[in-house]
Amino acid sequence: MENAVLSIELTHPTTLGRVNLPSSKSITNRLLIINALSDKKANILNKSTANDSVVMERNLSGNEEIVDVEDAGTVARFLTAYFSAGDFHKKLLCSNRMKERPMQQLIDALLQLGAEIHCTEKEGYLPAEIKGKQLDGGKISISGNISSQFLSALILIAPTFKKPLELEITGDLVSAPYLYMTLSLLESFGIHTNSEEFIQGESNSIIISPGKYELPEEIAVESDWSSASYWYAAAALSERSEIELKGLFEQSLQGDAILPFLFDTFGIATNYTRDGIIISKVSEPEIEDFEFDFTDHPDLALTMAVVCCGLNIPATLTGLKTLADKESNRIQVIADELGKMGAGVLIIDEDSLEIDPNHFSFHEESIVETHHDHRIALAFAPLALKFGRIKIQNPDVVKKSYPNYWDDIAEVYKTSKVDILE
């Protein structure tokens, strides 16, 4: 359905109902790796059904020599490390976009640890051939400002090394909450680390001791806070809203649990319940302009850019450097897709942009191009609540992280009509 267009039309900007959010694929994918490395397997409850997690689980459980990670960055990074550290001979294939995404620092780090990896097309990028074995461990340095997935990939396999891994992180650290999530999971399953010392800034190195993962019989995955952002956006763009989001908790491993704080000044109240949260619109926005550093929360940048345009709030977004190497170049996409609707978007540099929504309006023939990126479709859909309609190309792209999104919109966006236009 790559050439299909999804149309959302509604007669009144009201959002009411209950949403069973997708499970966190970030937690699921880490647990899948940990489970594969553990002697005693756990039953993972509420596992993510997002395509990234499906691809991860399929490739971990299969015996085929050829492995296709498709367009999944987390899967590519985690499996490159996983197959390097075990008794495997694998050929990793990927999508054309994934061939362009960074892998060099992870591959270099694994080679320093004793791995055998041969990039078959372009040095430092997938596809690659891997001959796995037990890795040595020891001290290596790696930059923290490209992808936290590199660091998490190394940390997840570190307990299998012959000696402790001392991972010295140079430069600024991006997407830190995802790294902290990985460290927290290791600690909870019996692996000794110096995570507390590192997180408190007392050391710039992470030390992981060799050991065996000790898993309980069952592990439950919490719902995905990143996916919740699209419902916060919907609430902010509605005249009236009350949405129950199941499976979210205040004490969360996920960095995007910052959403209640972010949207409080946009007039959205968050109330925690036994089963999740209820978000509701209680006032109009209290801010005249929005500024935020997304270094630790890159998946929220698109959502906030769209919300600010929809509410006519000028915005300055910083900490965007990693967005250029996602499923699309999201910095450029923000400029292109919001620009088609009349917003003034100025890309200041690789890390920041300014948005002037003064002329933001709906154009009848305008179609949001998703650029093969799930988060574009997810983030732009709530604009139907501002314009009364929106058209989105290649709607199936949401299967990467939120397969039931369009069904949930049809249920919660009241008086809405959701159609696929061929």
Protein backbone atom coordinates (compact mmCIF):
# COMPACT_ATOMS: atom_id res chain seq x y z
CA MET A 1 0.00 0.00 0.00
CA GLU A 2 2.96 2.31 -0.53
CA ASN A 3 1.01 4.41 -3.04
CA ALA A 4 -2.17 4.45 -0.96
CA VAL A 5 -3.39 7.60 0.76
CA LEU A 6 -5.28 7.61 4.03
CA SER A 7 -7.89 10.30 4.53
CA ILE A 8 -9.16 11.39 7.93
CA GLU A 9 -12.21 13.66 8.03
CA LEU A 10 -14.16 14.80 11.07
CA THR A 11 -16.93 17.24 11.86
CA HIS A 12 -15.91 18.22 15.38
CA PRO A 13 -12.49 18.32 17.11
CA THR A 14 -13.35 16.07 20.05
CA THR A 15 -11.30 13.12 21.30
CA LEU A 16 -12.87 10.77 23.83
CA GLY A 17 -12.23 7.12 24.65
CA ARG A 18 -9.83 4.43 25.76
CA VAL A 19 -6.67 3.39 23.95
CA ASN A 20 -4.72 0.18 24.45
CA LEU A 21 -1.32 1.54 23.54
CA PRO A 22 1.29 -0.66 21.89
CA SER A 23 3.90 -2.11 24.19
CA SER A 24 7.30 -0.46 24.38
CA LYS A 25 9.40 -1.82 21.53
CA SER A 26 12.51 -0.35 23.15
CA ILE A 27 12.00 -2.50 26.24
CA THR A 28 10.78 -5.49 24.23
CA ASN A 29 13.82 -5.50 21.94
CA ARG A 30 16.22 -5.34 24.87
CA LEU A 31 14.39 -8.14 26.65
CA LEU A 32 14.48 -10.29 23.52
CA ILE A 33 18.28 -10.00 23.40
CA ILE A 34 18.64 -10.64 27.14
CA ASN A 35 16.31 -13.64 26.92
CA ALA A 36 18.33 -15.07 24.04
CA LEU A 37 21.54 -14.71 26.08
CA SER A 38 20.06 -16.27 29.22
CA ASP A 39 20.23 -19.97 30.11
CA LYS A 40 16.78 -19.75 31.71
CA LYS A 41 14.21 -18.23 29.37
CA ALA A 42 11.48 -15.91 30.64
CA ASN A 43 7.96 -15.61 29.30
CA ILE A 44 7.73 -12.01 28.05
CA LEU A 45 4.21 -10.72 28.61
CA ASN A 46 2.66 -7.84 26.64
CA LYS A 47 5.41 -8.13 24.05
CA SER A 48 5.49 -5.47 21.35
CA THR A 49 3.83 -6.47 18.08
CA ALA A 50 5.48 -3.61 16.21
CA ASN A 51 7.33 -4.72 13.09
CA ASP A 52 10.73 -3.87 14.61
CA SER A 53 10.10 -6.34 17.44
CA VAL A 54 8.67 -8.96 15.09
CA VAL A 55 11.83 -8.72 12.96
CA MET A 56 14.02 -8.93 16.08
CA GLU A 57 12.28 -12.03 17.44
CA ARG A 58 12.16 -13.78 14.07
CA ASN A 59 15.90 -13.33 13.52
CA LEU A 60 16.81 -14.37 17.05
CA SER A 61 14.79 -17.58 16.85
CA GLY A 62 15.69 -18.59 13.30
CA ASN A 63 18.65 -20.70 12.22
CA GLU A 64 19.06 -19.21 8.76
CA GLU A 65 22.49 -17.93 7.78
CA ILE A 66 20.99 -14.93 5.98
CA VAL A 67 19.33 -12.39 8.28
CA ASP A 68 17.32 -9.40 7.03
CA VAL A 69 17.02 -6.56 9.56
CA GLU A 70 14.94 -4.54 7.06
CA ASP A 71 14.85 -0.84 8.04
CA ALA A 72 15.09 -1.33 11.81
CA GLY A 73 18.01 0.56 13.31
CA THR A 74 17.72 -0.98 16.76
CA VAL A 75 17.53 -4.49 15.30
CA ALA A 76 20.53 -3.84 13.04
CA ARG A 77 22.71 -2.57 15.89
CA PHE A 78 21.62 -5.12 18.50
CA LEU A 79 21.90 -8.14 16.19
CA THR A 80 25.29 -7.08 14.83
CA ALA A 81 26.56 -7.18 18.40
CA TYR A 82 24.63 -10.31 19.39
CA PHE A 83 25.81 -12.41 16.45
CA SER A 84 29.39 -11.19 16.93
CA ALA A 85 29.45 -12.52 20.50
CA GLY A 86 28.13 -16.04 19.96
CA ASP A 87 28.61 -19.19 17.92
CA PHE A 88 27.10 -17.81 14.72
CA HIS A 89 27.91 -17.35 11.06
CA LYS A 90 25.48 -14.76 9.69
CA LYS A 91 25.06 -12.50 6.70
CA LEU A 92 23.12 -9.37 7.66
CA LEU A 93 21.03 -7.77 4.92
CA CYS A 94 18.97 -4.58 5.23
CA SER A 95 16.87 -1.99 3.40
CA ASN A 96 18.45 0.67 1.20
CA ARG A 97 17.80 3.32 3.86
CA MET A 98 19.47 1.18 6.55
CA LYS A 99 22.53 0.90 4.28
CA GLU A 100 22.93 4.67 4.73
CA ARG A 101 22.55 4.75 8.51
CA PRO A 102 25.63 4.83 10.80
CA MET A 103 27.22 1.57 11.92
CA GLN A 104 30.94 2.41 11.76
CA GLN A 105 31.58 3.11 15.45
CA LEU A 106 29.76 -0.02 16.60
CA ILE A 107 31.60 -2.20 14.09
CA ASP A 108 34.95 -0.65 15.06
CA ALA A 109 34.23 -1.24 18.75
CA LEU A 110 33.29 -4.87 18.14
CA LEU A 111 36.45 -5.41 16.08
CA GLN A 112 38.52 -4.03 18.97
CA LEU A 113 36.83 -6.58 21.23
CA GLY A 114 37.87 -9.43 18.93
CA ALA A 115 34.88 -9.72 16.58
CA GLU A 116 35.10 -10.85 12.95
CA ILE A 117 32.91 -8.58 10.81
CA HIS A 118 33.25 -8.00 7.08
CA CYS A 119 31.20 -5.19 5.47
CA THR A 120 30.29 -6.57 2.05
CA GLU A 121 29.43 -3.34 0.20
CA LYS A 122 30.71 -0.27 2.01
CA GLU A 123 33.11 -0.17 4.93
CA GLY A 124 31.37 0.76 8.17
CA TYR A 125 27.85 0.02 6.89
CA LEU A 126 25.53 -2.93 6.43
CA PRO A 127 25.24 -5.41 4.77
CA ALA A 128 27.91 -7.44 6.55
CA GLU A 129 29.11 -10.98 7.18
CA ILE A 130 29.72 -11.94 10.81
CA LYS A 131 31.61 -14.90 12.23
CA GLY A 132 30.78 -14.91 15.92
CA LYS A 133 32.73 -16.12 18.95
CA GLN A 134 33.18 -15.26 22.60
CA LEU A 135 34.65 -11.76 22.73
CA ASP A 136 37.51 -10.67 24.96
CA GLY A 137 36.21 -7.56 26.71
CA GLY A 138 38.55 -4.92 28.06
CA LYS A 139 38.65 -1.15 27.67
CA ILE A 140 37.44 0.65 24.55
CA SER A 141 36.38 4.22 23.78
CA ILE A 142 33.31 5.19 21.78
CA SER A 143 31.61 8.49 21.04
CA GLY A 144 28.27 9.06 22.73
CA ASN A 145 26.96 11.65 20.28
CA ILE A 146 25.92 9.47 17.31
CA SER A 147 23.60 6.75 18.61
CA SER A 148 22.89 5.38 22.08
CA GLN A 149 21.98 2.13 20.30
CA PHE A 150 25.70 1.49 19.77
CA LEU A 151 26.29 1.69 23.50
CA SER A 152 23.24 -0.41 24.40
CA ALA A 153 24.23 -3.08 21.86
CA LEU A 154 27.66 -3.46 23.47
CA ILE A 155 26.32 -3.38 27.02
CA LEU A 156 23.71 -6.08 26.36
CA ILE A 157 26.32 -8.59 25.20
CA ALA A 158 29.04 -7.54 27.68
CA PRO A 159 28.11 -10.15 30.36
CA THR A 160 29.22 -12.87 27.89
CA PHE A 161 32.76 -11.45 27.55
CA LYS A 162 35.86 -13.16 28.98
CA LYS A 163 36.67 -10.13 31.12
CA PRO A 164 34.87 -6.92 32.17
CA LEU A 165 33.94 -4.36 29.55
CA GLU A 166 35.07 -0.83 30.35
CA LEU A 167 33.26 1.44 27.92
CA GLU A 168 34.71 4.95 27.92
CA ILE A 169 32.19 7.39 26.43
CA THR A 170 33.65 10.45 24.76
CA GLY A 171 31.82 13.61 23.72
CA ASP A 172 28.23 14.46 24.53
CA LEU A 173 25.74 11.66 25.17
CA VAL A 174 22.57 11.61 23.05
CA SER A 175 19.36 9.75 23.91
CA ALA A 176 20.70 9.07 27.40
CA PRO A 177 17.40 7.65 28.79
CA TYR A 178 17.65 4.71 26.36
CA LEU A 179 21.12 3.92 27.68
CA TYR A 180 19.87 4.18 31.27
CA MET A 181 17.03 1.81 30.35
CA THR A 182 19.56 -0.78 29.19
CA LEU A 183 21.67 -0.42 32.34
CA SER A 184 18.60 -0.69 34.55
CA LEU A 185 17.56 -3.94 32.88
CA LEU A 186 21.03 -5.42 33.33
CA GLU A 187 21.05 -4.54 37.03
CA SER A 188 17.58 -5.96 37.55
CA PHE A 189 18.65 -9.29 36.06
CA GLY A 190 21.74 -9.82 38.18
CA ILE A 191 24.54 -8.21 36.14
CA HIS A 192 26.96 -6.01 38.08
CA THR A 193 27.61 -2.55 36.62
CA ASN A 194 28.74 0.86 37.83
CA SER A 195 25.56 2.45 36.46
CA GLU A 196 24.84 4.59 39.53
CA GLU A 197 28.34 6.07 39.45
CA PHE A 198 28.05 6.73 35.70
CA ILE A 199 24.56 8.25 35.81
CA GLN A 200 25.57 10.58 38.65
CA GLY A 201 28.49 11.83 36.59
CA GLU A 202 31.21 10.37 38.81
CA SER A 203 32.66 8.38 35.91
CA ASN A 204 32.67 8.74 32.13
CA SER A 205 33.08 4.98 31.73
CA ILE A 206 30.53 2.20 32.04
CA ILE A 207 31.87 -1.03 33.50
CA ILE A 208 30.01 -4.29 32.95
CA SER A 209 31.19 -7.44 34.70
CA PRO A 210 30.91 -10.90 33.12
CA GLY A 211 28.01 -12.89 34.46
CA LYS A 212 24.82 -14.76 33.70
CA TYR A 213 21.44 -13.11 33.28
CA GLU A 214 19.05 -14.30 36.01
CA LEU A 215 15.51 -13.99 34.73
CA PRO A 216 12.18 -14.56 36.48
CA GLU A 217 9.59 -16.85 34.94
CA GLU A 218 7.61 -13.88 33.57
CA ILE A 219 8.44 -10.31 32.61
CA ALA A 220 5.73 -7.78 31.71
CA VAL A 221 6.47 -5.00 29.23
CA GLU A 222 4.96 -1.58 29.92
CA SER A 223 3.14 0.40 27.24
CA ASP A 224 4.99 2.80 24.98
CA TRP A 225 5.28 6.41 26.15
CA SER A 226 6.51 7.53 22.70
CA SER A 227 3.24 6.31 21.19
CA ALA A 228 1.34 8.19 23.89
CA SER A 229 2.73 11.45 22.47
CA TYR A 230 0.30 11.26 19.52
CA TRP A 231 -2.64 11.16 21.93
CA TYR A 232 -1.26 14.08 23.92
CA ALA A 233 -1.03 15.91 20.59
CA ALA A 234 -4.62 14.97 19.79
CA ALA A 235 -5.77 16.23 23.18
CA ALA A 236 -3.95 19.53 22.70
CA LEU A 237 -5.50 20.05 19.24
CA SER A 238 -9.02 19.16 20.39
CA GLU A 239 -11.67 21.49 21.75
CA ARG A 240 -12.66 18.79 24.23
CA SER A 241 -10.66 15.72 25.17
CA GLU A 242 -10.53 12.91 27.69
CA ILE A 243 -8.46 9.89 26.70
CA GLU A 244 -7.54 6.90 28.84
CA LEU A 245 -4.17 5.38 27.93
CA LYS A 246 -3.65 1.91 29.33
CA GLY A 247 -0.37 0.53 30.67
CA LEU A 248 1.55 3.75 31.39
CA PHE A 249 3.08 4.39 34.78
CA GLU A 250 4.77 7.31 36.51
CA GLN A 251 7.78 5.20 37.49
CA SER A 252 8.93 4.17 34.02
CA LEU A 253 12.10 2.98 32.34
CA GLN A 254 11.25 5.19 29.36
CA GLY A 255 12.63 8.70 28.95
CA ASP A 256 9.54 9.82 27.04
CA ALA A 257 7.58 9.57 30.29
CA ILE A 258 8.41 13.30 30.36
CA LEU A 259 5.24 13.91 28.32
CA PRO A 260 3.03 15.00 31.27
CA PHE A 261 5.56 17.74 32.05
CA LEU A 262 5.84 18.84 28.41
CA PHE A 263 2.11 19.08 27.82
CA ASP A 264 1.14 20.63 31.12
CA THR A 265 1.83 24.10 29.70
CA PHE A 266 -0.28 23.18 26.65
CA GLY A 267 -3.31 22.79 28.90
CA ILE A 268 -3.27 18.98 29.15
CA ALA A 269 -3.72 17.40 32.59
CA THR A 270 -2.41 13.89 33.35
CA ASN A 271 -4.04 11.77 36.04
CA TYR A 272 -2.51 8.42 36.99
CA THR A 273 -4.80 5.47 37.66
CA ARG A 274 -4.19 1.87 38.66
CA ASP A 275 -4.18 0.81 34.99
CA GLY A 276 -2.54 3.77 33.28
CA ILE A 277 -3.32 7.46 32.81
CA ILE A 278 -6.19 9.71 31.79
CA ILE A 279 -5.27 12.82 29.84
CA SER A 280 -7.72 15.68 29.42
CA LYS A 281 -7.77 19.18 28.05
CA VAL A 282 -8.35 21.57 30.93
CA SER A 283 -7.27 24.91 29.43
CA GLU A 284 -5.80 26.63 26.41
CA PRO A 285 -1.98 26.76 26.17
CA GLU A 286 -0.25 28.96 28.72
CA ILE A 287 2.86 29.64 26.63
CA GLU A 288 3.50 32.14 23.85
CA ASP A 289 6.52 30.32 22.43
CA PHE A 290 8.05 26.88 22.92
CA GLU A 291 11.72 26.01 23.36
CA PHE A 292 13.04 22.56 24.15
CA ASP A 293 16.23 20.51 23.83
CA PHE A 294 15.35 17.07 22.41
CA THR A 295 18.79 15.49 22.90
CA ASP A 296 17.33 12.96 25.34
CA HIS A 297 13.91 12.68 23.64
CA PRO A 298 14.44 12.63 19.84
CA ASP A 299 11.23 10.70 19.10
CA LEU A 300 9.14 13.57 20.47
CA ALA A 301 10.55 16.28 18.20
CA LEU A 302 8.19 15.67 15.25
CA THR A 303 5.16 15.54 17.54
CA MET A 304 6.00 18.82 19.24
CA ALA A 305 6.75 20.57 15.94
CA VAL A 306 3.31 19.58 14.62
CA VAL A 307 1.53 20.56 17.86
CA CYS A 308 3.17 23.99 17.92
CA CYS A 309 2.10 24.66 14.35
CA GLY A 310 -1.41 23.44 15.07
CA LEU A 311 -1.70 25.75 18.08
CA ASN A 312 0.03 28.69 16.33
CA ILE A 313 2.89 28.73 18.85
CA PRO A 314 6.36 29.73 17.56
CA ALA A 315 8.98 27.13 18.48
CA THR A 316 12.73 26.65 18.73
CA LEU A 317 13.76 23.00 18.72
CA THR A 318 17.33 22.00 19.58
CA GLY A 319 19.13 18.72 20.23
CA LEU A 320 18.08 17.37 16.84
CA LYS A 321 21.41 16.09 15.52
CA THR A 322 20.45 12.40 15.54
CA LEU A 323 17.24 13.02 13.55
CA ALA A 324 19.06 13.20 10.21
CA ASP A 325 19.96 9.51 10.47
CA LYS A 326 16.57 8.06 11.40
CA GLU A 327 14.20 6.27 9.01
CA SER A 328 14.20 9.60 7.16
CA ASN A 329 16.05 12.85 7.63
CA ARG A 330 13.48 14.14 10.10
CA ILE A 331 14.95 17.63 10.36
CA GLN A 332 14.44 18.12 6.62
CA VAL A 333 11.02 16.45 6.76
CA ILE A 334 9.84 18.89 9.44
CA ALA A 335 10.83 21.74 7.13
CA ASP A 336 9.35 20.18 3.99
CA GLU A 337 6.03 18.85 5.28
CA LEU A 338 5.16 21.74 7.59
CA GLY A 339 6.39 24.12 4.91
CA LYS A 340 3.85 22.68 2.44
CA MET A 341 1.17 23.86 4.87
CA GLY A 342 2.55 27.37 5.02
CA ALA A 343 4.67 27.23 8.18
CA GLY A 344 8.00 29.00 8.11
CA VAL A 345 10.66 26.50 9.15
CA LEU A 346 14.28 27.63 9.34
CA ILE A 347 16.94 24.95 9.75
CA ILE A 348 19.59 26.79 11.74
CA ASP A 349 22.16 23.99 11.70
CA GLU A 350 22.29 20.19 12.00
CA ASP A 351 21.10 20.44 15.60
CA SER A 352 18.32 23.03 15.64
CA LEU A 353 15.48 24.74 13.81
CA GLU A 354 12.94 27.52 14.30
CA ILE A 355 9.27 27.30 13.42
CA ASP A 356 6.99 30.24 12.60
CA PRO A 357 3.43 28.89 12.22
CA ASN A 358 1.93 32.24 11.27
CA HIS A 359 0.64 31.15 7.84
CA PHE A 360 -0.04 27.50 8.72
CA SER A 361 -3.21 26.31 6.95
CA PHE A 362 -4.80 23.35 5.19
CA HIS A 363 -4.38 22.95 1.44
CA GLU A 364 -7.00 20.73 -0.19
CA GLU A 365 -4.57 18.93 -2.47
CA SER A 366 -1.77 18.64 0.06
CA ILE A 367 -0.79 15.12 1.08
CA VAL A 368 1.64 14.42 3.91
CA GLU A 369 4.49 12.35 2.48
CA THR A 370 5.74 9.83 5.02
CA HIS A 371 9.20 9.30 3.48
CA HIS A 372 8.98 5.63 4.61
CA ASP A 373 9.04 6.90 8.21
CA HIS A 374 6.42 5.73 10.69
CA ARG A 375 6.77 8.73 13.00
CA ILE A 376 5.79 11.19 10.26
CA ALA A 377 2.44 9.48 9.73
CA LEU A 378 1.91 9.15 13.48
CA ALA A 379 2.80 12.76 14.27
CA PHE A 380 0.89 14.47 11.45
CA ALA A 381 -2.41 12.61 11.85
CA PRO A 382 -3.63 14.76 14.80
CA LEU A 383 -3.70 17.78 12.47
CA ALA A 384 -7.08 16.44 11.31
CA LEU A 385 -8.37 17.90 14.58
CA LYS A 386 -7.21 21.37 13.54
CA PHE A 387 -8.14 21.27 9.86
CA GLY A 388 -11.10 18.89 9.94
CA ARG A 389 -9.22 16.64 7.54
CA ILE A 390 -5.77 15.37 6.64
CA LYS A 391 -4.38 13.09 3.94
CA ILE A 392 -1.39 10.84 4.61
CA GLN A 393 0.53 8.85 2.02
CA ASN A 394 1.64 5.23 2.68
CA PRO A 395 -0.36 4.73 5.89
CA ASP A 396 0.93 1.16 6.39
CA VAL A 397 4.25 2.63 7.51
CA VAL A 398 2.86 2.86 11.07
CA LYS A 399 3.20 -0.93 11.41
CA LYS A 400 6.82 -0.33 12.33
CA SER A 401 5.82 0.83 15.82
CA TYR A 402 2.02 1.23 16.17
CA PRO A 403 0.10 -1.28 14.01
CA ASN A 404 -3.40 -0.37 15.31
CA TYR A 405 -3.04 3.40 15.11
CA TRP A 406 -5.66 4.04 12.42
CA ASP A 407 -8.21 1.83 14.19
CA ASP A 408 -7.62 3.75 17.42
CA ILE A 409 -8.06 7.07 15.62
CA ALA A 410 -11.34 5.90 14.10
CA GLU A 411 -12.53 5.06 17.62
CA VAL A 412 -11.30 8.11 19.56
CA TYR A 413 -11.57 10.96 17.05
CA LYS A 414 -15.32 11.45 17.41
CA THR A 415 -17.46 11.82 14.28
CA SER A 416 -14.42 10.84 12.23
CA LYS A 417 -14.25 9.10 8.89
CA VAL A 418 -11.05 7.19 8.13
CA ASP A 419 -10.71 5.90 4.55
CA ILE A 420 -7.99 4.49 2.34
CA LEU A 421 -7.91 6.23 -1.04
CA GLU A 422 -6.23 4.12 -3.72
